[in-house]
Amino acid sequence: MTEITKQRPKFLNLAEIRLPLPGFASILHRISGVGLFLMLPLLIWLFQLSLASSDSFETFKSVAAHPLVKLVLLGLLWAFLHHFCMGIRILLIDIHVGVEKAQANASAKAVLAVSLALTAILGLKLLGAY
């Protein structure tokens, strides 16, 4: 009896892998969670500045007015909103709602659309558009 051996690839070429949309949303969920965790000291420091005294509140306002800080806060806003929306999607999947392929694609699209739309709306407020 001849045994056929399957040739295994020597390395995994990530550029050739085409993830489905739910996989892409899942990876973004992990990235947003790591980003939120790593930026937690900054957020706590800004929160402490805003509450300690009137002088520290003025320092908070000057720090938060810097364009680079606003950009970081905009990224954190997206990370929070995406992580929140994707977390709800994952909880629904845990109770077996939306596990079929079409529903999973639709819910992944909804997560991306809702998180980006809310980021745009709240980001405009953060940047002082209204």
Protein backbone atom coordinates (compact mmCIF):
# COMPACT_ATOMS: atom_id res chain seq x y z
CA MET A 1 0.00 0.00 0.00
CA THR A 2 1.44 3.32 -1.04
CA GLU A 3 1.09 6.13 1.35
CA ILE A 4 0.50 9.56 -0.12
CA THR A 5 2.00 12.32 1.92
CA LYS A 6 0.67 15.82 1.69
CA GLN A 7 3.30 18.45 1.08
CA ARG A 8 3.08 21.04 3.84
CA PRO A 9 4.07 24.64 3.16
CA LYS A 10 7.29 25.75 4.74
CA PHE A 11 5.86 29.10 5.79
CA LEU A 12 2.51 30.80 5.92
CA ASN A 13 2.28 33.67 3.47
CA LEU A 14 -0.09 36.14 5.11
CA ALA A 15 -0.27 38.27 1.95
CA GLU A 16 -1.98 35.44 0.06
CA ILE A 17 -4.63 34.63 2.67
CA ARG A 18 -8.04 36.11 1.90
CA LEU A 19 -9.96 36.42 5.12
CA PRO A 20 -13.74 36.61 5.04
CA LEU A 21 -15.25 39.80 6.45
CA PRO A 22 -16.11 38.25 9.86
CA GLY A 23 -12.47 37.19 10.22
CA PHE A 24 -11.30 40.70 9.40
CA ALA A 25 -13.74 42.16 11.94
CA SER A 26 -12.54 39.65 14.53
CA ILE A 27 -8.90 40.63 14.03
CA LEU A 28 -9.87 44.30 14.37
CA HIS A 29 -11.67 43.38 17.60
CA ARG A 30 -8.44 41.95 18.99
CA ILE A 31 -6.38 44.94 17.79
CA SER A 32 -8.85 47.40 19.31
CA GLY A 33 -8.76 45.54 22.62
CA VAL A 34 -4.97 45.63 22.73
CA GLY A 35 -4.97 49.31 21.79
CA LEU A 36 -7.45 50.16 24.52
CA PHE A 37 -5.43 48.20 27.07
CA LEU A 38 -2.13 49.80 26.11
CA MET A 39 -3.55 53.32 26.13
CA LEU A 40 -5.30 52.91 29.48
CA PRO A 41 -2.53 54.74 31.40
CA LEU A 42 -2.93 57.76 29.11
CA LEU A 43 -6.69 57.77 29.58
CA ILE A 44 -6.37 57.46 33.35
CA TRP A 45 -3.82 60.29 33.42
CA LEU A 46 -6.10 62.53 31.32
CA PHE A 47 -9.06 61.65 33.56
CA GLN A 48 -7.02 62.47 36.66
CA LEU A 49 -5.97 65.79 35.13
CA SER A 50 -9.56 66.68 34.40
CA LEU A 51 -10.71 66.07 37.98
CA ALA A 52 -7.86 67.01 40.35
CA SER A 53 -8.11 70.81 40.46
CA SER A 54 -8.92 73.82 38.34
CA ASP A 55 -5.23 74.23 37.46
CA SER A 56 -4.91 70.63 36.37
CA PHE A 57 -8.12 71.02 34.37
CA GLU A 58 -6.47 73.87 32.46
CA THR A 59 -3.51 71.55 31.83
CA PHE A 60 -5.95 68.89 30.64
CA LYS A 61 -7.56 71.34 28.22
CA SER A 62 -4.20 72.39 26.80
CA VAL A 63 -3.05 68.76 26.40
CA ALA A 64 -6.35 67.65 24.87
CA ALA A 65 -6.29 70.57 22.43
CA HIS A 66 -3.08 69.33 20.80
CA PRO A 67 -3.80 67.87 17.32
CA LEU A 68 -1.72 64.75 17.92
CA VAL A 69 -3.58 64.01 21.16
CA LYS A 70 -6.88 64.54 19.36
CA LEU A 71 -5.79 62.05 16.72
CA VAL A 72 -4.89 59.49 19.40
CA LEU A 73 -8.22 60.10 21.13
CA LEU A 74 -10.03 59.66 17.81
CA GLY A 75 -8.28 56.31 17.35
CA LEU A 76 -9.22 55.30 20.88
CA LEU A 77 -12.81 56.36 20.21
CA TRP A 78 -12.91 54.07 17.17
CA ALA A 79 -11.27 51.26 19.15
CA PHE A 80 -13.85 51.54 21.92
CA LEU A 81 -16.83 51.71 19.57
CA HIS A 82 -15.61 48.82 17.40
CA HIS A 83 -14.75 46.70 20.44
CA PHE A 84 -18.18 47.40 21.96
CA CYS A 85 -20.16 46.64 18.78
CA MET A 86 -18.12 43.54 17.99
CA GLY A 87 -18.50 42.36 21.59
CA ILE A 88 -22.28 42.51 21.21
CA ARG A 89 -21.97 40.51 17.97
CA ILE A 90 -19.84 37.89 19.70
CA LEU A 91 -22.31 37.63 22.58
CA LEU A 92 -25.12 37.04 20.08
CA ILE A 93 -23.06 34.36 18.35
CA ASP A 94 -22.47 32.74 21.76
CA ILE A 95 -26.23 32.28 22.12
CA HIS A 96 -26.39 30.92 18.55
CA VAL A 97 -27.89 34.00 16.91
CA GLY A 98 -26.42 34.78 13.49
CA VAL A 99 -24.12 31.81 13.11
CA GLU A 100 -24.99 31.03 9.48
CA LYS A 101 -22.62 32.36 6.83
CA ALA A 102 -24.95 35.00 5.39
CA GLN A 103 -25.96 36.27 8.83
CA ALA A 104 -22.34 36.33 9.99
CA ASN A 105 -21.34 38.41 6.97
CA ALA A 106 -24.25 40.77 7.49
CA SER A 107 -23.51 41.24 11.18
CA ALA A 108 -19.81 41.85 10.47
CA LYS A 109 -20.76 44.51 7.91
CA ALA A 110 -23.14 46.04 10.44
CA VAL A 111 -20.43 46.15 13.12
CA LEU A 112 -18.01 47.89 10.77
CA ALA A 113 -20.64 50.33 9.49
CA VAL A 114 -22.04 51.22 12.91
CA SER A 115 -18.64 51.63 14.56
CA LEU A 116 -17.33 53.80 11.72
CA ALA A 117 -20.50 55.90 11.59
CA LEU A 118 -20.49 56.48 15.35
CA THR A 119 -16.78 57.29 15.21
CA ALA A 120 -17.43 59.87 12.50
CA ILE A 121 -20.29 61.46 14.45
CA LEU A 122 -18.48 61.55 17.81
CA GLY A 123 -15.15 62.36 16.13
CA LEU A 124 -16.62 65.51 14.65
CA LYS A 125 -17.65 66.52 18.16
CA LEU A 126 -14.15 65.71 19.45
CA LEU A 127 -12.55 67.80 16.71
CA GLY A 128 -14.89 70.72 17.44
CA ALA A 129 -17.02 70.65 14.30
CA TYR A 130 -20.21 71.19 16.33
